[in-house]
Amino acid sequence: MVRLKLDQETLGLSLLMERISGVRVKDCFRDEDVLYFVVSPGYLGKAIGKGGANIKKIQTELGKKIRIIEFRDNMIDFVKNVIYPLKVAEVVEEENIVYIKDPNKKTKSLLIGRDGKNLKLINRAVKRFFSVDDVKVI
């Protein structure tokens, strides 16, 4: 498990999410247009809220899209949560590299994203909690 360092902005965003949803946030990070919150196992539904109410409220307050990821101690399960709703054939770890395997070209292209944006995000999320060298789609 990697030790996380949080800045003032991240702490403020986490506290906002905790205040609105009543769920403890393990981590918060962002890319250009989306805020990602990682919550403890079993609290995803409560974090989202009835009919997505909590997400809508936070999105309105911050003016940003929100995505919530449920944490798992098992790295393979965590990777599957990060890439949800996409389903893949297999996720394996070999020699400190995580391989996401799927025969479908459309799924692979969605995982990688334009200019590798989605794959970079997957890498970033996984490396925040687990000591891995890389995440690859094959």
N, C-alpha and C. Protein backbone atom coordinates (compact mmCIF):
# COMPACT_ATOMS: atom_id res chain seq x y z
N MET A 1 0.85 -1.18 0.00
CA MET A 1 0.00 0.00 0.00
C MET A 1 0.89 1.24 0.00
N VAL A 2 0.57 2.17 -0.85
CA VAL A 2 1.32 3.41 -0.99
C VAL A 2 0.74 4.45 -0.03
N ARG A 3 1.60 5.26 0.56
CA ARG A 3 1.14 6.33 1.45
C ARG A 3 0.76 7.55 0.62
N LEU A 4 -0.47 8.05 0.82
CA LEU A 4 -0.98 9.18 0.04
C LEU A 4 -0.60 10.51 0.69
N LYS A 5 -0.31 11.49 -0.15
CA LYS A 5 -0.09 12.86 0.32
C LYS A 5 -1.20 13.71 -0.28
N LEU A 6 -1.91 14.43 0.59
CA LEU A 6 -3.03 15.25 0.14
C LEU A 6 -2.71 16.73 0.36
N ASP A 7 -3.08 17.56 -0.61
CA ASP A 7 -2.89 18.99 -0.46
C ASP A 7 -4.17 19.63 0.09
N GLN A 8 -4.13 20.94 0.34
CA GLN A 8 -5.27 21.65 0.91
C GLN A 8 -6.53 21.53 0.06
N GLU A 9 -6.38 21.68 -1.26
CA GLU A 9 -7.53 21.61 -2.15
C GLU A 9 -8.18 20.22 -2.09
N THR A 10 -7.36 19.18 -2.12
CA THR A 10 -7.86 17.81 -2.06
C THR A 10 -8.58 17.56 -0.74
N LEU A 11 -8.01 18.05 0.35
CA LEU A 11 -8.67 17.89 1.65
C LEU A 11 -10.02 18.61 1.68
N GLY A 12 -10.07 19.80 1.11
CA GLY A 12 -11.32 20.56 1.07
C GLY A 12 -12.39 19.85 0.26
N LEU A 13 -12.00 19.31 -0.90
CA LEU A 13 -12.95 18.58 -1.74
C LEU A 13 -13.43 17.31 -1.04
N SER A 14 -12.51 16.62 -0.36
CA SER A 14 -12.88 15.40 0.37
C SER A 14 -13.86 15.73 1.49
N LEU A 15 -13.60 16.81 2.22
CA LEU A 15 -14.50 17.20 3.30
C LEU A 15 -15.89 17.58 2.78
N LEU A 16 -15.95 18.24 1.63
CA LEU A 16 -17.23 18.58 1.01
C LEU A 16 -18.01 17.30 0.69
N MET A 17 -17.35 16.35 0.08
CA MET A 17 -17.99 15.07 -0.26
C MET A 17 -18.45 14.36 1.00
N GLU A 18 -17.62 14.35 2.04
CA GLU A 18 -17.98 13.69 3.29
C GLU A 18 -19.19 14.37 3.94
N ARG A 19 -19.22 15.70 3.90
CA ARG A 19 -20.33 16.46 4.50
C ARG A 19 -21.64 16.17 3.78
N ILE A 20 -21.60 16.13 2.46
CA ILE A 20 -22.82 15.92 1.67
C ILE A 20 -23.30 14.47 1.73
N SER A 21 -22.37 13.52 1.62
CA SER A 21 -22.77 12.12 1.52
C SER A 21 -22.75 11.36 2.85
N GLY A 22 -21.99 11.85 3.82
CA GLY A 22 -21.85 11.12 5.07
C GLY A 22 -20.91 9.93 4.96
N VAL A 23 -20.13 9.88 3.89
CA VAL A 23 -19.22 8.76 3.64
C VAL A 23 -17.78 9.26 3.72
N ARG A 24 -16.92 8.50 4.40
CA ARG A 24 -15.50 8.85 4.50
C ARG A 24 -14.83 8.65 3.15
N VAL A 25 -14.10 9.67 2.70
CA VAL A 25 -13.39 9.63 1.42
C VAL A 25 -11.95 9.21 1.67
N LYS A 26 -11.50 8.17 0.96
CA LYS A 26 -10.11 7.70 1.08
C LYS A 26 -9.16 8.57 0.27
N ASP A 27 -9.63 9.07 -0.87
CA ASP A 27 -8.77 9.85 -1.75
C ASP A 27 -9.62 10.68 -2.70
N CYS A 28 -9.01 11.70 -3.23
CA CYS A 28 -9.65 12.56 -4.21
C CYS A 28 -8.57 13.03 -5.17
N PHE A 29 -8.85 12.95 -6.47
CA PHE A 29 -7.92 13.47 -7.46
C PHE A 29 -8.72 13.94 -8.66
N ARG A 30 -8.08 14.67 -9.56
CA ARG A 30 -8.80 15.25 -10.69
C ARG A 30 -7.99 15.12 -11.96
N ASP A 31 -8.72 15.16 -13.07
CA ASP A 31 -8.08 15.42 -14.35
C ASP A 31 -8.70 16.72 -14.84
N GLU A 32 -8.56 17.05 -16.12
CA GLU A 32 -9.02 18.37 -16.58
C GLU A 32 -10.49 18.65 -16.27
N ASP A 33 -11.36 17.67 -16.49
CA ASP A 33 -12.79 17.96 -16.39
C ASP A 33 -13.58 17.07 -15.44
N VAL A 34 -12.91 16.18 -14.71
CA VAL A 34 -13.63 15.26 -13.81
C VAL A 34 -12.91 15.19 -12.46
N LEU A 35 -13.70 15.17 -11.38
CA LEU A 35 -13.19 14.93 -10.03
C LEU A 35 -13.47 13.48 -9.67
N TYR A 36 -12.48 12.79 -9.14
CA TYR A 36 -12.61 11.40 -8.75
C TYR A 36 -12.50 11.29 -7.24
N PHE A 37 -13.48 10.60 -6.64
CA PHE A 37 -13.45 10.33 -5.21
C PHE A 37 -13.35 8.82 -5.03
N VAL A 38 -12.48 8.38 -4.14
CA VAL A 38 -12.35 6.97 -3.81
C VAL A 38 -12.92 6.79 -2.41
N VAL A 39 -13.91 5.88 -2.30
CA VAL A 39 -14.58 5.65 -1.02
C VAL A 39 -14.32 4.22 -0.55
N SER A 40 -14.52 3.99 0.74
CA SER A 40 -14.29 2.68 1.33
C SER A 40 -15.25 1.63 0.77
N PRO A 41 -14.83 0.36 0.81
CA PRO A 41 -15.69 -0.72 0.31
C PRO A 41 -17.05 -0.74 1.02
N GLY A 42 -18.09 -0.93 0.24
CA GLY A 42 -19.44 -1.02 0.79
C GLY A 42 -20.18 0.31 0.90
N TYR A 43 -19.52 1.41 0.58
CA TYR A 43 -20.14 2.73 0.74
C TYR A 43 -20.41 3.44 -0.58
N LEU A 44 -20.26 2.76 -1.69
CA LEU A 44 -20.47 3.39 -2.98
C LEU A 44 -21.90 3.91 -3.13
N GLY A 45 -22.87 3.07 -2.80
CA GLY A 45 -24.28 3.46 -2.93
C GLY A 45 -24.63 4.67 -2.08
N LYS A 46 -24.15 4.69 -0.85
CA LYS A 46 -24.41 5.82 0.04
C LYS A 46 -23.73 7.09 -0.48
N ALA A 47 -22.53 6.94 -1.04
CA ALA A 47 -21.81 8.09 -1.59
C ALA A 47 -22.55 8.69 -2.78
N ILE A 48 -23.11 7.82 -3.62
CA ILE A 48 -23.85 8.29 -4.80
C ILE A 48 -25.15 8.96 -4.37
N GLY A 49 -25.82 8.37 -3.39
CA GLY A 49 -27.08 8.92 -2.89
C GLY A 49 -28.26 8.40 -3.69
N LYS A 50 -29.44 8.55 -3.12
CA LYS A 50 -30.66 8.07 -3.76
C LYS A 50 -30.89 8.81 -5.07
N GLY A 51 -30.95 8.06 -6.16
CA GLY A 51 -31.15 8.66 -7.48
C GLY A 51 -29.99 9.55 -7.92
N GLY A 52 -28.82 9.34 -7.31
CA GLY A 52 -27.65 10.15 -7.66
C GLY A 52 -27.67 11.54 -7.05
N ALA A 53 -28.46 11.72 -5.99
CA ALA A 53 -28.65 13.05 -5.40
C ALA A 53 -27.34 13.67 -4.91
N ASN A 54 -26.50 12.88 -4.25
CA ASN A 54 -25.24 13.43 -3.72
C ASN A 54 -24.31 13.88 -4.85
N ILE A 55 -24.22 13.07 -5.89
CA ILE A 55 -23.36 13.43 -7.02
C ILE A 55 -23.88 14.72 -7.67
N LYS A 56 -25.18 14.79 -7.89
CA LYS A 56 -25.77 15.98 -8.52
C LYS A 56 -25.50 17.23 -7.69
N LYS A 57 -25.63 17.11 -6.37
CA LYS A 57 -25.42 18.25 -5.49
C LYS A 57 -23.97 18.74 -5.56
N ILE A 58 -23.02 17.80 -5.52
CA ILE A 58 -21.60 18.17 -5.58
C ILE A 58 -21.25 18.75 -6.95
N GLN A 59 -21.78 18.14 -8.01
CA GLN A 59 -21.53 18.65 -9.37
C GLN A 59 -22.04 20.08 -9.51
N THR A 60 -23.19 20.36 -8.93
CA THR A 60 -23.76 21.70 -9.00
C THR A 60 -22.89 22.69 -8.22
N GLU A 61 -22.46 22.29 -7.01
CA GLU A 61 -21.63 23.19 -6.18
C GLU A 61 -20.28 23.49 -6.82
N LEU A 62 -19.67 22.46 -7.42
CA LEU A 62 -18.31 22.62 -7.93
C LEU A 62 -18.25 22.93 -9.43
N GLY A 63 -19.33 22.67 -10.14
CA GLY A 63 -19.33 22.88 -11.58
C GLY A 63 -18.43 21.91 -12.32
N LYS A 64 -18.24 20.74 -11.76
CA LYS A 64 -17.40 19.70 -12.38
C LYS A 64 -18.14 18.37 -12.36
N LYS A 65 -17.80 17.50 -13.32
CA LYS A 65 -18.33 16.14 -13.29
C LYS A 65 -17.66 15.38 -12.15
N ILE A 66 -18.40 14.46 -11.55
CA ILE A 66 -17.91 13.67 -10.42
C ILE A 66 -17.96 12.20 -10.79
N ARG A 67 -16.95 11.46 -10.38
CA ARG A 67 -16.95 10.01 -10.53
C ARG A 67 -16.50 9.42 -9.21
N ILE A 68 -17.22 8.42 -8.73
CA ILE A 68 -16.89 7.78 -7.45
C ILE A 68 -16.42 6.36 -7.72
N ILE A 69 -15.29 6.00 -7.11
CA ILE A 69 -14.69 4.68 -7.27
C ILE A 69 -14.67 4.01 -5.91
N GLU A 70 -15.12 2.76 -5.85
CA GLU A 70 -15.09 2.01 -4.60
C GLU A 70 -13.73 1.35 -4.44
N PHE A 71 -13.07 1.60 -3.32
CA PHE A 71 -11.74 1.04 -3.07
C PHE A 71 -11.84 -0.45 -2.77
N ARG A 72 -10.82 -1.18 -3.13
CA ARG A 72 -10.65 -2.59 -2.78
C ARG A 72 -9.20 -2.82 -2.39
N ASP A 73 -8.97 -3.64 -1.36
CA ASP A 73 -7.60 -3.97 -0.95
C ASP A 73 -6.91 -4.84 -2.00
N ASN A 74 -7.70 -5.61 -2.73
CA ASN A 74 -7.16 -6.45 -3.80
C ASN A 74 -6.99 -5.59 -5.04
N MET A 75 -5.76 -5.52 -5.55
CA MET A 75 -5.46 -4.63 -6.68
C MET A 75 -6.29 -4.96 -7.92
N ILE A 76 -6.48 -6.24 -8.22
CA ILE A 76 -7.23 -6.64 -9.41
C ILE A 76 -8.67 -6.14 -9.31
N ASP A 77 -9.29 -6.32 -8.15
CA ASP A 77 -10.66 -5.83 -7.94
C ASP A 77 -10.72 -4.31 -8.03
N PHE A 78 -9.70 -3.63 -7.50
CA PHE A 78 -9.67 -2.17 -7.58
C PHE A 78 -9.58 -1.70 -9.03
N VAL A 79 -8.75 -2.36 -9.83
CA VAL A 79 -8.64 -2.00 -11.26
C VAL A 79 -9.99 -2.17 -11.94
N LYS A 80 -10.69 -3.25 -11.63
CA LYS A 80 -12.02 -3.48 -12.22
C LYS A 80 -12.99 -2.37 -11.81
N ASN A 81 -12.89 -1.88 -10.58
CA ASN A 81 -13.74 -0.77 -10.14
C ASN A 81 -13.38 0.53 -10.85
N VAL A 82 -12.09 0.75 -11.10
CA VAL A 82 -11.65 1.96 -11.78
C VAL A 82 -12.18 1.99 -13.22
N ILE A 83 -12.17 0.84 -13.90
CA ILE A 83 -12.59 0.81 -15.31
C ILE A 83 -14.09 0.60 -15.49
N TYR A 84 -14.83 0.35 -14.39
CA TYR A 84 -16.27 0.18 -14.47
C TYR A 84 -16.89 1.40 -15.15
N PRO A 85 -17.84 1.25 -16.04
CA PRO A 85 -18.71 0.12 -16.34
C PRO A 85 -18.18 -0.83 -17.42
N LEU A 86 -16.96 -0.62 -17.90
CA LEU A 86 -16.41 -1.54 -18.90
C LEU A 86 -16.13 -2.90 -18.26
N LYS A 87 -16.45 -3.94 -18.97
CA LYS A 87 -16.15 -5.31 -18.55
C LYS A 87 -15.04 -5.83 -19.45
N VAL A 88 -14.04 -6.45 -18.85
CA VAL A 88 -12.93 -6.99 -19.63
C VAL A 88 -12.79 -8.48 -19.37
N ALA A 89 -12.08 -9.16 -20.28
CA ALA A 89 -11.91 -10.60 -20.16
C ALA A 89 -11.09 -10.96 -18.93
N GLU A 90 -10.03 -10.18 -18.65
CA GLU A 90 -9.14 -10.55 -17.57
C GLU A 90 -8.28 -9.36 -17.14
N VAL A 91 -7.98 -9.31 -15.85
CA VAL A 91 -7.01 -8.36 -15.30
C VAL A 91 -6.01 -9.19 -14.51
N VAL A 92 -4.73 -9.09 -14.86
CA VAL A 92 -3.70 -9.87 -14.18
C VAL A 92 -2.51 -8.97 -13.84
N GLU A 93 -1.74 -9.41 -12.83
CA GLU A 93 -0.50 -8.73 -12.50
C GLU A 93 0.66 -9.70 -12.69
N GLU A 94 1.63 -9.27 -13.47
CA GLU A 94 2.83 -10.07 -13.69
C GLU A 94 4.04 -9.16 -13.60
N GLU A 95 4.98 -9.52 -12.74
CA GLU A 95 6.23 -8.78 -12.60
C GLU A 95 6.00 -7.29 -12.39
N ASN A 96 5.09 -6.97 -11.48
CA ASN A 96 4.80 -5.59 -11.09
C ASN A 96 4.16 -4.74 -12.20
N ILE A 97 3.59 -5.40 -13.20
CA ILE A 97 2.85 -4.71 -14.26
C ILE A 97 1.44 -5.30 -14.30
N VAL A 98 0.44 -4.42 -14.34
CA VAL A 98 -0.95 -4.86 -14.43
C VAL A 98 -1.34 -4.88 -15.90
N TYR A 99 -1.87 -6.02 -16.35
CA TYR A 99 -2.32 -6.17 -17.73
C TYR A 99 -3.84 -6.28 -17.74
N ILE A 100 -4.48 -5.42 -18.52
CA ILE A 100 -5.92 -5.49 -18.72
C ILE A 100 -6.11 -6.12 -20.09
N LYS A 101 -6.67 -7.34 -20.10
CA LYS A 101 -6.77 -8.10 -21.35
C LYS A 101 -8.22 -8.18 -21.82
N ASP A 102 -8.40 -7.92 -23.12
CA ASP A 102 -9.72 -8.07 -23.71
C ASP A 102 -9.56 -8.20 -25.22
N PRO A 103 -10.28 -9.15 -25.84
CA PRO A 103 -10.15 -9.34 -27.29
C PRO A 103 -10.90 -8.28 -28.12
N ASN A 104 -11.84 -7.58 -27.51
CA ASN A 104 -12.67 -6.61 -28.22
C ASN A 104 -11.92 -5.29 -28.45
N LYS A 105 -11.76 -4.91 -29.72
CA LYS A 105 -11.02 -3.68 -30.05
C LYS A 105 -11.72 -2.43 -29.53
N LYS A 106 -13.04 -2.43 -29.54
CA LYS A 106 -13.77 -1.26 -29.05
C LYS A 106 -13.52 -1.06 -27.55
N THR A 107 -13.55 -2.14 -26.78
CA THR A 107 -13.27 -2.05 -25.35
C THR A 107 -11.86 -1.54 -25.11
N LYS A 108 -10.90 -2.07 -25.87
CA LYS A 108 -9.51 -1.61 -25.73
C LYS A 108 -9.39 -0.13 -26.03
N SER A 109 -10.06 0.32 -27.09
CA SER A 109 -9.96 1.74 -27.44
C SER A 109 -10.60 2.63 -26.38
N LEU A 110 -11.69 2.16 -25.76
CA LEU A 110 -12.31 2.92 -24.67
C LEU A 110 -11.40 2.97 -23.44
N LEU A 111 -10.72 1.86 -23.16
CA LEU A 111 -9.79 1.82 -22.03
C LEU A 111 -8.62 2.77 -22.23
N ILE A 112 -8.10 2.82 -23.44
CA ILE A 112 -6.94 3.65 -23.73
C ILE A 112 -7.34 5.12 -23.86
N GLY A 113 -8.41 5.40 -24.58
CA GLY A 113 -8.88 6.77 -24.75
C GLY A 113 -8.06 7.55 -25.75
N ARG A 114 -8.57 8.70 -26.13
CA ARG A 114 -7.87 9.57 -27.08
C ARG A 114 -6.55 10.03 -26.46
N ASP A 115 -5.48 9.87 -27.22
CA ASP A 115 -4.12 10.23 -26.79
C ASP A 115 -3.72 9.52 -25.49
N GLY A 116 -4.32 8.37 -25.21
CA GLY A 116 -3.97 7.60 -24.02
C GLY A 116 -4.47 8.19 -22.71
N LYS A 117 -5.42 9.12 -22.80
CA LYS A 117 -5.91 9.84 -21.62
C LYS A 117 -6.50 8.90 -20.56
N ASN A 118 -7.36 7.97 -20.99
CA ASN A 118 -8.00 7.06 -20.03
C ASN A 118 -6.99 6.12 -19.39
N LEU A 119 -6.05 5.62 -20.17
CA LEU A 119 -5.03 4.72 -19.64
C LEU A 119 -4.15 5.45 -18.63
N LYS A 120 -3.83 6.70 -18.89
CA LYS A 120 -3.04 7.49 -17.94
C LYS A 120 -3.79 7.65 -16.62
N LEU A 121 -5.11 7.87 -16.72
CA LEU A 121 -5.93 8.01 -15.52
C LEU A 121 -5.97 6.70 -14.73
N ILE A 122 -6.13 5.58 -15.43
CA ILE A 122 -6.14 4.27 -14.77
C ILE A 122 -4.81 4.06 -14.05
N ASN A 123 -3.71 4.35 -14.75
CA ASN A 123 -2.37 4.23 -14.17
C ASN A 123 -2.26 5.07 -12.90
N ARG A 124 -2.70 6.31 -13.00
CA ARG A 124 -2.60 7.24 -11.87
C ARG A 124 -3.39 6.74 -10.67
N ALA A 125 -4.62 6.28 -10.90
CA ALA A 125 -5.47 5.80 -9.81
C ALA A 125 -4.86 4.58 -9.14
N VAL A 126 -4.38 3.63 -9.92
CA VAL A 126 -3.82 2.40 -9.36
C VAL A 126 -2.53 2.69 -8.61
N LYS A 127 -1.67 3.53 -9.17
CA LYS A 127 -0.39 3.84 -8.53
C LYS A 127 -0.56 4.65 -7.24
N ARG A 128 -1.70 5.29 -7.05
CA ARG A 128 -1.94 6.03 -5.80
C ARG A 128 -2.11 5.09 -4.62
N PHE A 129 -2.51 3.84 -4.88
CA PHE A 129 -2.77 2.90 -3.79
C PHE A 129 -1.88 1.67 -3.79
N PHE A 130 -1.32 1.33 -4.94
CA PHE A 130 -0.54 0.09 -5.05
C PHE A 130 0.81 0.37 -5.70
N SER A 131 1.81 -0.39 -5.28
CA SER A 131 3.15 -0.25 -5.85
C SER A 131 3.25 -1.08 -7.12
N VAL A 132 2.95 -0.47 -8.24
CA VAL A 132 3.08 -1.13 -9.55
C VAL A 132 3.88 -0.21 -10.46
N ASP A 133 4.53 -0.81 -11.45
CA ASP A 133 5.32 -0.03 -12.39
C ASP A 133 4.47 0.56 -13.50
N ASP A 134 3.46 -0.21 -13.95
CA ASP A 134 2.68 0.25 -15.10
C ASP A 134 1.37 -0.53 -15.20
N VAL A 135 0.42 0.04 -15.91
CA VAL A 135 -0.83 -0.63 -16.28
C VAL A 135 -0.88 -0.61 -17.80
N LYS A 136 -1.10 -1.78 -18.40
CA LYS A 136 -1.12 -1.88 -19.86
C LYS A 136 -2.39 -2.58 -20.32
N VAL A 137 -2.87 -2.18 -21.49
CA VAL A 137 -4.03 -2.81 -22.12
C VAL A 137 -3.52 -3.66 -23.27
N ILE A 138 -3.87 -4.95 -23.23
CA ILE A 138 -3.46 -5.85 -24.33
C ILE A 138 -4.62 -6.67 -24.83
